[in-house]
N, C-alpha and C. Protein backbone atom coordinates (compact mmCIF):
# COMPACT_ATOMS: atom_id res chain seq x y z
N UNK A 1 -14.94 4.43 0.83
CA UNK A 1 -13.66 3.78 0.62
C UNK A 1 -12.55 4.33 1.53
N UNK A 2 -12.44 5.62 1.70
CA UNK A 2 -11.36 6.12 2.57
C UNK A 2 -11.48 5.63 4.02
N UNK A 3 -12.71 5.43 4.50
CA UNK A 3 -12.87 4.96 5.88
C UNK A 3 -12.36 3.52 6.01
N UNK A 4 -12.72 2.67 5.07
CA UNK A 4 -12.24 1.28 5.10
C UNK A 4 -10.72 1.24 4.91
N UNK A 5 -10.18 2.12 4.05
CA UNK A 5 -8.72 2.18 3.88
C UNK A 5 -8.04 2.61 5.17
N UNK A 6 -8.65 3.50 5.91
CA UNK A 6 -8.06 3.94 7.18
C UNK A 6 -8.00 2.78 8.18
N UNK A 7 -9.02 1.95 8.18
CA UNK A 7 -9.02 0.78 9.08
C UNK A 7 -7.92 -0.20 8.67
N UNK A 8 -7.81 -0.47 7.38
CA UNK A 8 -6.77 -1.38 6.89
C UNK A 8 -5.39 -0.80 7.15
N UNK A 9 -5.23 0.51 6.95
CA UNK A 9 -3.95 1.16 7.18
C UNK A 9 -3.56 1.09 8.65
N UNK A 10 -4.52 1.27 9.54
CA UNK A 10 -4.23 1.18 10.97
C UNK A 10 -3.79 -0.23 11.35
N UNK A 11 -4.47 -1.23 10.82
CA UNK A 11 -4.07 -2.61 11.09
C UNK A 11 -2.69 -2.90 10.53
N UNK A 12 -2.41 -2.40 9.35
CA UNK A 12 -1.08 -2.60 8.75
C UNK A 12 0.01 -1.91 9.54
N UNK A 13 -0.28 -0.71 10.03
CA UNK A 13 0.72 0.00 10.84
C UNK A 13 1.00 -0.73 12.15
N UNK A 14 -0.05 -1.23 12.78
CA UNK A 14 0.16 -1.99 14.02
C UNK A 14 0.98 -3.25 13.77
N UNK A 15 0.68 -3.91 12.67
CA UNK A 15 1.44 -5.11 12.32
C UNK A 15 2.87 -4.75 11.96
N UNK A 16 3.05 -3.64 11.24
CA UNK A 16 4.39 -3.19 10.86
C UNK A 16 5.22 -2.79 12.06
N UNK A 17 4.59 -2.14 13.04
CA UNK A 17 5.31 -1.76 14.26
C UNK A 17 5.74 -3.01 15.02
N UNK A 18 4.88 -4.02 15.06
CA UNK A 18 5.26 -5.24 15.77
C UNK A 18 6.41 -5.94 15.06
N UNK A 19 6.45 -5.90 13.72
CA UNK A 19 7.57 -6.49 13.00
C UNK A 19 8.84 -5.69 13.24
N UNK A 20 8.71 -4.36 13.38
CA UNK A 20 9.88 -3.54 13.60
C UNK A 20 10.52 -3.87 14.95
N UNK A 21 9.71 -4.03 15.96
CA UNK A 21 10.26 -4.33 17.27
C UNK A 21 10.73 -5.77 17.39
N UNK A 22 10.06 -6.68 16.70
CA UNK A 22 10.44 -8.08 16.77
C UNK A 22 11.53 -8.44 15.78
N UNK A 23 11.76 -7.59 14.77
CA UNK A 23 12.75 -7.89 13.75
C UNK A 23 12.18 -8.88 12.75
N UNK A 24 13.02 -9.32 11.83
CA UNK A 24 12.55 -10.31 10.89
C UNK A 24 12.99 -10.02 9.48
N UNK A 25 12.80 -11.03 8.63
CA UNK A 25 13.25 -10.91 7.25
C UNK A 25 12.21 -10.25 6.36
N UNK A 26 11.02 -9.98 6.87
CA UNK A 26 9.96 -9.39 6.06
C UNK A 26 9.82 -7.89 6.29
N UNK A 27 10.85 -7.25 6.77
CA UNK A 27 10.77 -5.82 7.09
C UNK A 27 10.50 -4.99 5.84
N UNK A 28 11.22 -5.24 4.75
CA UNK A 28 11.02 -4.48 3.51
C UNK A 28 9.63 -4.73 2.95
N UNK A 29 9.17 -5.96 3.02
CA UNK A 29 7.83 -6.27 2.53
C UNK A 29 6.76 -5.56 3.34
N UNK A 30 6.93 -5.50 4.65
CA UNK A 30 5.96 -4.81 5.49
C UNK A 30 5.95 -3.32 5.21
N UNK A 31 7.12 -2.73 5.01
CA UNK A 31 7.18 -1.30 4.71
C UNK A 31 6.52 -0.98 3.38
N UNK A 32 6.75 -1.81 2.36
CA UNK A 32 6.11 -1.54 1.07
C UNK A 32 4.61 -1.82 1.14
N UNK A 33 4.20 -2.77 1.97
CA UNK A 33 2.78 -3.05 2.19
C UNK A 33 2.08 -1.84 2.81
N UNK A 34 2.70 -1.27 3.83
CA UNK A 34 2.13 -0.10 4.49
C UNK A 34 2.14 1.11 3.55
N UNK A 35 3.23 1.31 2.83
CA UNK A 35 3.32 2.42 1.90
C UNK A 35 2.29 2.27 0.77
N UNK A 36 2.08 1.05 0.31
CA UNK A 36 1.08 0.81 -0.72
C UNK A 36 -0.32 1.18 -0.26
N UNK A 37 -0.65 0.83 0.99
CA UNK A 37 -1.96 1.21 1.51
C UNK A 37 -2.07 2.71 1.75
N UNK A 38 -0.98 3.37 2.09
CA UNK A 38 -1.00 4.84 2.21
C UNK A 38 -1.29 5.48 0.87
N UNK A 39 -0.66 4.99 -0.18
CA UNK A 39 -0.89 5.53 -1.52
C UNK A 39 -2.32 5.24 -1.97
N UNK A 40 -2.83 4.04 -1.67
CA UNK A 40 -4.20 3.72 -2.03
C UNK A 40 -5.21 4.57 -1.26
N UNK A 41 -4.87 4.91 -0.01
CA UNK A 41 -5.74 5.79 0.77
C UNK A 41 -5.83 7.16 0.09
N UNK A 42 -4.68 7.68 -0.33
CA UNK A 42 -4.69 8.97 -1.04
C UNK A 42 -5.45 8.86 -2.36
N UNK A 43 -5.27 7.74 -3.07
CA UNK A 43 -5.95 7.56 -4.35
C UNK A 43 -7.47 7.52 -4.17
N UNK A 44 -7.94 6.79 -3.16
CA UNK A 44 -9.39 6.73 -2.90
C UNK A 44 -9.94 8.09 -2.49
N UNK A 45 -9.18 8.81 -1.68
CA UNK A 45 -9.63 10.14 -1.27
C UNK A 45 -9.70 11.08 -2.47
N UNK A 46 -8.67 11.05 -3.32
CA UNK A 46 -8.68 11.91 -4.50
C UNK A 46 -9.77 11.51 -5.49
N UNK A 47 -10.01 10.21 -5.63
CA UNK A 47 -11.08 9.75 -6.51
C UNK A 47 -12.44 10.24 -6.01
N UNK A 48 -12.67 10.13 -4.70
CA UNK A 48 -13.93 10.61 -4.14
C UNK A 48 -14.07 12.12 -4.33
N UNK A 49 -13.00 12.85 -4.13
CA UNK A 49 -13.05 14.30 -4.30
C UNK A 49 -13.31 14.70 -5.75
N UNK A 50 -12.59 14.06 -6.68
CA UNK A 50 -12.74 14.46 -8.09
C UNK A 50 -14.10 14.06 -8.65
N UNK A 51 -14.66 12.94 -8.20
CA UNK A 51 -16.00 12.57 -8.69
C UNK A 51 -17.06 13.48 -8.08
N UNK A 52 -16.87 13.90 -6.84
CA UNK A 52 -17.82 14.83 -6.22
C UNK A 52 -17.77 16.20 -6.89
N UNK A 53 -16.55 16.65 -7.20
CA UNK A 53 -16.39 17.95 -7.86
C UNK A 53 -16.74 17.90 -9.35
N UNK A 54 -16.84 16.69 -9.90
CA UNK A 54 -17.20 16.54 -11.31
C UNK A 54 -16.04 16.76 -12.26
N UNK A 55 -14.81 16.61 -11.77
CA UNK A 55 -13.63 16.84 -12.62
C UNK A 55 -12.86 15.56 -12.92
N UNK A 56 -13.42 14.40 -12.56
CA UNK A 56 -12.71 13.14 -12.80
C UNK A 56 -12.76 12.79 -14.29
N UNK A 57 -11.63 12.30 -14.77
CA UNK A 57 -11.57 11.74 -16.13
C UNK A 57 -10.60 10.57 -16.12
N UNK A 58 -10.83 9.65 -17.05
CA UNK A 58 -9.98 8.46 -17.12
C UNK A 58 -8.57 8.84 -17.56
N UNK A 59 -7.60 8.16 -16.97
CA UNK A 59 -6.20 8.40 -17.34
C UNK A 59 -5.61 9.62 -16.69
N UNK A 60 -6.23 10.13 -15.64
CA UNK A 60 -5.72 11.31 -14.95
C UNK A 60 -4.70 10.95 -13.89
N UNK A 61 -4.36 11.93 -13.09
CA UNK A 61 -3.33 11.71 -12.06
C UNK A 61 -3.82 10.77 -10.97
N UNK A 62 -5.14 10.65 -10.77
CA UNK A 62 -5.67 9.74 -9.75
C UNK A 62 -5.36 8.30 -10.13
N UNK A 63 -5.43 7.98 -11.40
CA UNK A 63 -5.12 6.62 -11.85
C UNK A 63 -3.66 6.26 -11.60
N UNK A 64 -2.79 7.25 -11.66
CA UNK A 64 -1.37 6.98 -11.36
C UNK A 64 -1.18 6.59 -9.90
N UNK A 65 -1.96 7.19 -9.00
CA UNK A 65 -1.90 6.81 -7.59
C UNK A 65 -2.33 5.35 -7.42
N UNK A 66 -3.39 4.95 -8.12
CA UNK A 66 -3.84 3.56 -8.03
C UNK A 66 -2.79 2.60 -8.57
N UNK A 67 -2.16 2.96 -9.68
CA UNK A 67 -1.13 2.10 -10.27
C UNK A 67 0.05 1.93 -9.32
N UNK A 68 0.52 3.03 -8.75
CA UNK A 68 1.66 2.97 -7.82
C UNK A 68 1.29 2.19 -6.57
N UNK A 69 0.10 2.41 -6.04
CA UNK A 69 -0.34 1.70 -4.83
C UNK A 69 -0.43 0.20 -5.03
N UNK A 70 -1.05 -0.21 -6.11
CA UNK A 70 -1.17 -1.64 -6.38
C UNK A 70 0.17 -2.27 -6.76
N UNK A 71 1.05 -1.50 -7.35
CA UNK A 71 2.40 -2.02 -7.64
C UNK A 71 3.17 -2.27 -6.35
N UNK A 72 3.03 -1.36 -5.39
CA UNK A 72 3.69 -1.56 -4.10
C UNK A 72 3.12 -2.76 -3.36
N UNK A 73 1.81 -2.94 -3.43
CA UNK A 73 1.21 -4.12 -2.80
C UNK A 73 1.67 -5.42 -3.47
N UNK A 74 1.82 -5.39 -4.78
CA UNK A 74 2.33 -6.58 -5.49
C UNK A 74 3.76 -6.87 -5.09
N UNK A 75 4.58 -5.83 -4.99
CA UNK A 75 5.97 -6.00 -4.56
C UNK A 75 6.03 -6.58 -3.15
N UNK A 76 5.16 -6.11 -2.27
CA UNK A 76 5.13 -6.62 -0.90
C UNK A 76 4.72 -8.08 -0.86
N UNK A 77 3.73 -8.43 -1.66
CA UNK A 77 3.27 -9.82 -1.69
C UNK A 77 4.36 -10.75 -2.22
N UNK A 78 5.08 -10.32 -3.23
CA UNK A 78 6.19 -11.14 -3.74
C UNK A 78 7.31 -11.26 -2.72
N UNK A 79 7.51 -10.23 -1.93
CA UNK A 79 8.54 -10.29 -0.88
C UNK A 79 8.23 -11.32 0.19
N UNK A 80 6.94 -11.57 0.44
CA UNK A 80 6.57 -12.60 1.40
C UNK A 80 6.75 -14.00 0.82
N UNK A 81 6.71 -14.11 -0.50
CA UNK A 81 6.77 -15.43 -1.13
C UNK A 81 8.20 -15.89 -1.39
N UNK A 82 9.03 -15.03 -1.99
CA UNK A 82 10.37 -15.44 -2.38
C UNK A 82 11.27 -15.64 -1.18
N UNK A 83 12.06 -16.69 -1.24
CA UNK A 83 13.02 -16.96 -0.18
C UNK A 83 14.41 -16.96 -0.82
N UNK A 84 15.28 -16.10 -0.35
CA UNK A 84 16.61 -16.08 -0.95
C UNK A 84 17.38 -17.36 -0.66
N UNK A 85 18.11 -17.81 -1.68
CA UNK A 85 18.92 -19.01 -1.50
C UNK A 85 20.26 -18.63 -0.92
N UNK A 86 20.73 -19.44 -0.01
CA UNK A 86 22.04 -19.19 0.59
C UNK A 86 23.11 -19.87 -0.24
N UNK A 87 24.15 -19.12 -0.55
CA UNK A 87 25.27 -19.69 -1.29
C UNK A 87 26.35 -20.09 -0.32
N UNK A 88 26.93 -21.21 -0.57
CA UNK A 88 27.99 -21.70 0.31
C UNK A 88 29.35 -21.29 -0.17
């Protein structure tokens, strides 16, 4: 899992850098998308480590990393969907 996350994170960073240089209204969404994948990378790494060491248990700190990571990805996805209305 960490290897696949590294590939996705690299693609997200390249896409995020291109948005940074090109500008755009999705800057916050791209940053939370990249941050979400960074947190998920740490969560997968910690999950692999704790299962290998035999100290994993449900409801531990590793699960909090997964919750935060997926929440950031959800926030990023909603940012791509919602369009602010202009008031006159």
